[in-house]
Amino acid sequence: MPIITGPEHLTPETVIRPALPGEEDAVLDLLTEAATWLAGRGIRQWPRRFPRESVHRQIELGEALLITRHHKPIATGVVTEAEPELWGEATEPAYYLGRLAVAREAAGLGIRIIDWVGEKAAARGKTFVRVATTRDNPALRALYERAGFEHVADPPAAKWPTSLYQRATGG
């Protein structure tokens, strides 16, 4: 079940909602901007551009989010209820947050998005919010730790050097 089915205010000027069919380029552009910014800092966390089909599928499933300010896309993310490739067949109910990308003009909004996912998770009885990040991005790992996430594992079989984090929801 998607985390959200319609628009909600994330902040007074910012709306979070499901990305809609036809908005693949908006999502891909935000991901590409983030990947380019990371690469400029020597971090190869994401491909230069994600495959269109992967974004299209996430939109179809209601997993892709688009965050806008004054109707302009400023962030995106994906929320799922399972991520077996990295986490295995976890038994605790959780939301898995991935592909979180925030436009440079909205830097700092990422923590609010993470907290919003946590609020939704708690309200729906989820035990955790879980994220995966590249093991080679110490700044992002530190951000998750400051946001209350605990390091769980560095899975050796992952496709790229990965660190897994989770934060209890209290739900």
C-alpha atoms as a PDB file:
ATOM      1  CA  MET A   1       0.000   0.000   0.000  1.00  0.00           C
ATOM      2  CA  PRO A   2       1.447   3.413  -0.973  1.00  0.00           C
ATOM      3  CA  ILE A   3       2.506   5.695   1.864  1.00  0.00           C
ATOM      4  CA  ILE A   4       0.300   8.483   0.446  1.00  0.00           C
ATOM      5  CA  THR A   5      -2.462   8.661  -2.130  1.00  0.00           C
ATOM      6  CA  GLY A   6      -2.932  12.420  -2.459  1.00  0.00           C
ATOM      7  CA  PRO A   7      -1.142  15.694  -1.791  1.00  0.00           C
ATOM      8  CA  GLU A   8      -0.273  16.824   1.746  1.00  0.00           C
ATOM      9  CA  HIS A   9       1.594  19.844   3.044  1.00  0.00           C
ATOM     10  CA  LEU A  10       5.087  18.987   4.195  1.00  0.00           C
ATOM     11  CA  THR A  11       5.685  22.601   5.211  1.00  0.00           C
ATOM     12  CA  PRO A  12       3.376  25.599   4.688  1.00  0.00           C
ATOM     13  CA  GLU A  13       4.885  26.194   1.217  1.00  0.00           C
ATOM     14  CA  THR A  14       5.850  22.637   0.308  1.00  0.00           C
ATOM     15  CA  VAL A  15       3.587  19.829  -0.904  1.00  0.00           C
ATOM     16  CA  ILE A  16       4.442  16.123  -0.896  1.00  0.00           C
ATOM     17  CA  ARG A  17       2.451  13.838  -3.157  1.00  0.00           C
ATOM     18  CA  PRO A  18       2.699  10.735  -5.305  1.00  0.00           C
ATOM     19  CA  ALA A  19       4.544  11.331  -8.565  1.00  0.00           C
ATOM     20  CA  LEU A  20       2.111  10.933 -11.442  1.00  0.00           C
ATOM     21  CA  PRO A  21       2.433   9.154 -14.787  1.00  0.00           C
ATOM     22  CA  GLY A  22       4.081  11.608 -17.160  1.00  0.00           C
ATOM     23  CA  GLU A  23       6.293  13.094 -14.408  1.00  0.00           C
ATOM     24  CA  GLU A  24       9.150  10.659 -14.964  1.00  0.00           C
ATOM     25  CA  ASP A  25      11.395  13.425 -16.302  1.00  0.00           C
ATOM     26  CA  ALA A  26      10.789  15.604 -13.229  1.00  0.00           C
ATOM     27  CA  VAL A  27      11.863  12.718 -10.979  1.00  0.00           C
ATOM     28  CA  LEU A  28      14.801  11.783 -13.212  1.00  0.00           C
ATOM     29  CA  ASP A  29      15.987  15.404 -13.393  1.00  0.00           C
ATOM     30  CA  LEU A  30      16.079  15.665  -9.585  1.00  0.00           C
ATOM     31  CA  LEU A  31      17.967  12.366  -9.316  1.00  0.00           C
ATOM     32  CA  THR A  32      20.400  13.457 -12.041  1.00  0.00           C
ATOM     33  CA  GLU A  33      21.031  16.787 -10.315  1.00  0.00           C
ATOM     34  CA  ALA A  34      21.808  14.972  -7.059  1.00  0.00           C
ATOM     35  CA  ALA A  35      24.036  12.405  -8.799  1.00  0.00           C
ATOM     36  CA  THR A  36      25.964  15.170 -10.557  1.00  0.00           C
ATOM     37  CA  TRP A  37      26.409  17.099  -7.305  1.00  0.00           C
ATOM     38  CA  LEU A  38      27.625  13.955  -5.532  1.00  0.00           C
ATOM     39  CA  ALA A  39      30.030  13.101  -8.378  1.00  0.00           C
ATOM     40  CA  GLY A  40      31.452  16.616  -8.137  1.00  0.00           C
ATOM     41  CA  ARG A  41      32.296  15.824  -4.530  1.00  0.00           C
ATOM     42  CA  GLY A  42      33.981  12.546  -5.526  1.00  0.00           C
ATOM     43  CA  ILE A  43      31.047  10.327  -4.479  1.00  0.00           C
ATOM     44  CA  ARG A  44      29.728   7.813  -7.013  1.00  0.00           C
ATOM     45  CA  GLN A  45      26.531   6.810  -5.269  1.00  0.00           C
ATOM     46  CA  TRP A  46      24.122   6.747  -8.217  1.00  0.00           C
ATOM     47  CA  PRO A  47      24.281   6.348 -11.971  1.00  0.00           C
ATOM     48  CA  ARG A  48      24.468   9.546 -13.980  1.00  0.00           C
ATOM     49  CA  ARG A  49      20.813   8.970 -14.916  1.00  0.00           C
ATOM     50  CA  PHE A  50      18.527   6.226 -13.643  1.00  0.00           C
ATOM     51  CA  PRO A  51      16.700   4.110 -16.219  1.00  0.00           C
ATOM     52  CA  ARG A  52      13.387   5.699 -17.161  1.00  0.00           C
ATOM     53  CA  GLU A  53      11.610   2.352 -16.762  1.00  0.00           C
ATOM     54  CA  SER A  54      12.651   2.039 -13.101  1.00  0.00           C
ATOM     55  CA  VAL A  55      11.132   5.437 -12.312  1.00  0.00           C
ATOM     56  CA  HIS A  56       8.046   4.678 -14.418  1.00  0.00           C
ATOM     57  CA  ARG A  57       7.478   1.437 -12.501  1.00  0.00           C
ATOM     58  CA  GLN A  58       7.836   3.167  -9.109  1.00  0.00           C
ATOM     59  CA  ILE A  59       5.300   5.782 -10.215  1.00  0.00           C
ATOM     60  CA  GLU A  60       2.886   3.062 -11.373  1.00  0.00           C
ATOM     61  CA  LEU A  61       3.174   1.340  -7.990  1.00  0.00           C
ATOM     62  CA  GLY A  62       2.546   4.592  -6.097  1.00  0.00           C
ATOM     63  CA  GLU A  63       6.004   4.395  -4.476  1.00  0.00           C
ATOM     64  CA  ALA A  64       7.602   7.493  -6.041  1.00  0.00           C
ATOM     65  CA  LEU A  65       7.055  10.801  -4.295  1.00  0.00           C
ATOM     66  CA  LEU A  66       7.401  14.287  -5.705  1.00  0.00           C
ATOM     67  CA  ILE A  67       7.852  17.258  -3.415  1.00  0.00           C
ATOM     68  CA  THR A  68       7.031  20.674  -4.856  1.00  0.00           C
ATOM     69  CA  ARG A  69       7.279  24.286  -3.759  1.00  0.00           C
ATOM     70  CA  HIS A  70       5.021  26.674  -5.651  1.00  0.00           C
ATOM     71  CA  HIS A  71       4.338  23.782  -8.083  1.00  0.00           C
ATOM     72  CA  LYS A  72       8.062  23.395  -8.896  1.00  0.00           C
ATOM     73  CA  PRO A  73       9.655  19.967  -8.195  1.00  0.00           C
ATOM     74  CA  ILE A  74      12.322  20.318  -5.493  1.00  0.00           C
ATOM     75  CA  ALA A  75      12.705  16.777  -4.134  1.00  0.00           C
ATOM     76  CA  THR A  76      11.838  13.164  -4.734  1.00  0.00           C
ATOM     77  CA  GLY A  77      12.046   9.855  -2.947  1.00  0.00           C
ATOM     78  CA  VAL A  78      10.693   6.335  -3.032  1.00  0.00           C
ATOM     79  CA  VAL A  79       8.945   4.607  -0.126  1.00  0.00           C
ATOM     80  CA  THR A  80       8.300   0.856  -0.176  1.00  0.00           C
ATOM     81  CA  GLU A  81       7.228  -1.732   2.383  1.00  0.00           C
ATOM     82  CA  ALA A  82       9.993  -4.204   1.494  1.00  0.00           C
ATOM     83  CA  GLU A  83      13.502  -4.169   0.084  1.00  0.00           C
ATOM     84  CA  PRO A  84      14.525  -7.839   0.066  1.00  0.00           C
ATOM     85  CA  GLU A  85      17.562  -7.319  -2.182  1.00  0.00           C
ATOM     86  CA  LEU A  86      19.323  -5.438   0.606  1.00  0.00           C
ATOM     87  CA  TRP A  87      17.403  -6.269   3.774  1.00  0.00           C
ATOM     88  CA  GLY A  88      16.328  -9.847   3.097  1.00  0.00           C
ATOM     89  CA  GLU A  89      12.910 -11.012   4.158  1.00  0.00           C
ATOM     90  CA  ALA A  90      12.580  -8.759   7.197  1.00  0.00           C
ATOM     91  CA  THR A  91       9.787  -9.662   9.587  1.00  0.00           C
ATOM     92  CA  GLU A  92       9.352  -6.280  11.277  1.00  0.00           C
ATOM     93  CA  PRO A  93       6.965  -3.916   9.488  1.00  0.00           C
ATOM     94  CA  ALA A  94       8.936  -0.992   8.075  1.00  0.00           C
ATOM     95  CA  TYR A  95       9.015   1.702   5.448  1.00  0.00           C
ATOM     96  CA  TYR A  96      12.083   1.695   3.231  1.00  0.00           C
ATOM     97  CA  LEU A  97      13.103   5.129   1.982  1.00  0.00           C
ATOM     98  CA  GLY A  98      15.283   5.275  -1.104  1.00  0.00           C
ATOM     99  CA  ARG A  99      16.347   7.544  -3.943  1.00  0.00           C
ATOM    100  CA  LEU A 100      15.918  10.593  -1.750  1.00  0.00           C
ATOM    101  CA  ALA A 101      17.106  13.567  -3.783  1.00  0.00           C
ATOM    102  CA  VAL A 102      16.700  17.226  -2.870  1.00  0.00           C
ATOM    103  CA  ALA A 103      17.443  20.073  -5.282  1.00  0.00           C
ATOM    104  CA  ARG A 104      20.308  22.261  -4.104  1.00  0.00           C
ATOM    105  CA  GLU A 105      17.893  25.209  -3.773  1.00  0.00           C
ATOM    106  CA  ALA A 106      15.988  23.207  -1.130  1.00  0.00           C
ATOM    107  CA  ALA A 107      19.010  21.818   0.730  1.00  0.00           C
ATOM    108  CA  GLY A 108      18.057  20.869   4.276  1.00  0.00           C
ATOM    109  CA  LEU A 109      14.586  19.620   3.332  1.00  0.00           C
ATOM    110  CA  GLY A 110      15.788  16.001   3.396  1.00  0.00           C
ATOM    111  CA  ILE A 111      15.503  15.726   7.187  1.00  0.00           C
ATOM    112  CA  ARG A 112      11.910  16.997   7.076  1.00  0.00           C
ATOM    113  CA  ILE A 113      11.088  14.369   4.430  1.00  0.00           C
ATOM    114  CA  ILE A 114      12.701  11.646   6.544  1.00  0.00           C
ATOM    115  CA  ASP A 115      10.736  12.793   9.606  1.00  0.00           C
ATOM    116  CA  TRP A 116       7.497  12.804   7.570  1.00  0.00           C
ATOM    117  CA  VAL A 117       8.134   9.193   6.494  1.00  0.00           C
ATOM    118  CA  GLY A 118       8.760   8.361  10.164  1.00  0.00           C
ATOM    119  CA  GLU A 119       5.467   9.996  11.191  1.00  0.00           C
ATOM    120  CA  LYS A 120       3.580   8.001   8.557  1.00  0.00           C
ATOM    121  CA  ALA A 121       5.371   4.814   9.594  1.00  0.00           C
ATOM    122  CA  ALA A 122       4.466   5.286  13.265  1.00  0.00           C
ATOM    123  CA  ALA A 123       0.830   6.073  12.420  1.00  0.00           C
ATOM    124  CA  ARG A 124       0.621   2.833  10.412  1.00  0.00           C
ATOM    125  CA  GLY A 125       2.232   0.615  13.038  1.00  0.00           C
ATOM    126  CA  LYS A 126       5.589   0.262  11.275  1.00  0.00           C
ATOM    127  CA  THR A 127       8.476  -0.536  13.581  1.00  0.00           C
ATOM    128  CA  PHE A 128      11.220   1.136  11.532  1.00  0.00           C
ATOM    129  CA  VAL A 129      12.142   3.528   8.783  1.00  0.00           C
ATOM    130  CA  ARG A 130      15.058   2.002   6.897  1.00  0.00           C
ATOM    131  CA  VAL A 131      17.539   3.492   4.457  1.00  0.00           C
ATOM    132  CA  ALA A 132      20.472   2.222   2.437  1.00  0.00           C
ATOM    133  CA  THR A 133      23.336   4.464   1.430  1.00  0.00           C
ATOM    134  CA  THR A 134      26.712   4.060  -0.128  1.00  0.00           C
ATOM    135  CA  ARG A 135      29.338   3.098   2.398  1.00  0.00           C
ATOM    136  CA  ASP A 136      31.615   5.651   0.703  1.00  0.00           C
ATOM    137  CA  ASN A 137      29.547   8.721   1.621  1.00  0.00           C
ATOM    138  CA  PRO A 138      30.585   9.653   5.171  1.00  0.00           C
ATOM    139  CA  ALA A 139      28.642  12.934   5.123  1.00  0.00           C
ATOM    140  CA  LEU A 140      25.349  11.190   4.324  1.00  0.00           C
ATOM    141  CA  ARG A 141      26.042   8.449   6.850  1.00  0.00           C
ATOM    142  CA  ALA A 142      26.678  11.133   9.486  1.00  0.00           C
ATOM    143  CA  LEU A 143      23.440  12.914   8.511  1.00  0.00           C
ATOM    144  CA  TYR A 144      21.437   9.710   9.055  1.00  0.00           C
ATOM    145  CA  GLU A 145      23.167   9.136  12.398  1.00  0.00           C
ATOM    146  CA  ARG A 146      22.379  12.718  13.515  1.00  0.00           C
ATOM    147  CA  ALA A 147      18.765  12.047  12.471  1.00  0.00           C
ATOM    148  CA  GLY A 148      18.600   9.120  14.903  1.00  0.00           C
ATOM    149  CA  PHE A 149      19.358   6.225  12.566  1.00  0.00           C
ATOM    150  CA  GLU A 150      21.483   3.322  13.753  1.00  0.00           C
ATOM    151  CA  HIS A 151      23.923   1.494  11.517  1.00  0.00           C
ATOM    152  CA  VAL A 152      22.710  -2.088  11.037  1.00  0.00           C
ATOM    153  CA  ALA A 153      25.049  -3.715   8.539  1.00  0.00           C
ATOM    154  CA  ASP A 154      27.277  -3.406   5.500  1.00  0.00           C
ATOM    155  CA  PRO A 155      25.967  -6.300   3.392  1.00  0.00           C
ATOM    156  CA  PRO A 156      28.882  -7.951   1.573  1.00  0.00           C
ATOM    157  CA  ALA A 157      26.718  -9.226  -1.318  1.00  0.00           C
ATOM    158  CA  ALA A 158      25.303  -5.811  -2.279  1.00  0.00           C
ATOM    159  CA  LYS A 159      25.886  -4.560  -5.842  1.00  0.00           C
ATOM    160  CA  TRP A 160      27.773  -1.516  -4.516  1.00  0.00           C
ATOM    161  CA  PRO A 161      29.451  -0.738  -1.160  1.00  0.00           C
ATOM    162  CA  THR A 162      26.324  -0.280   0.963  1.00  0.00           C
ATOM    163  CA  SER A 163      25.509   0.663   4.545  1.00  0.00           C
ATOM    164  CA  LEU A 164      22.088  -0.092   6.009  1.00  0.00           C
ATOM    165  CA  TYR A 165      20.493   2.138   8.654  1.00  0.00           C
ATOM    166  CA  GLN A 166      17.223   2.069  10.551  1.00  0.00           C
ATOM    167  CA  ARG A 167      15.373   4.303  12.965  1.00  0.00           C
ATOM    168  CA  ALA A 168      12.685   3.054  15.332  1.00  0.00           C
ATOM    169  CA  THR A 169       9.346   4.792  14.917  1.00  0.00           C
ATOM    170  CA  GLY A 170       7.831   4.232  18.316  1.00  0.00           C
ATOM    171  CA  GLY A 171       4.788   2.938  16.445  1.00  0.00           C
END
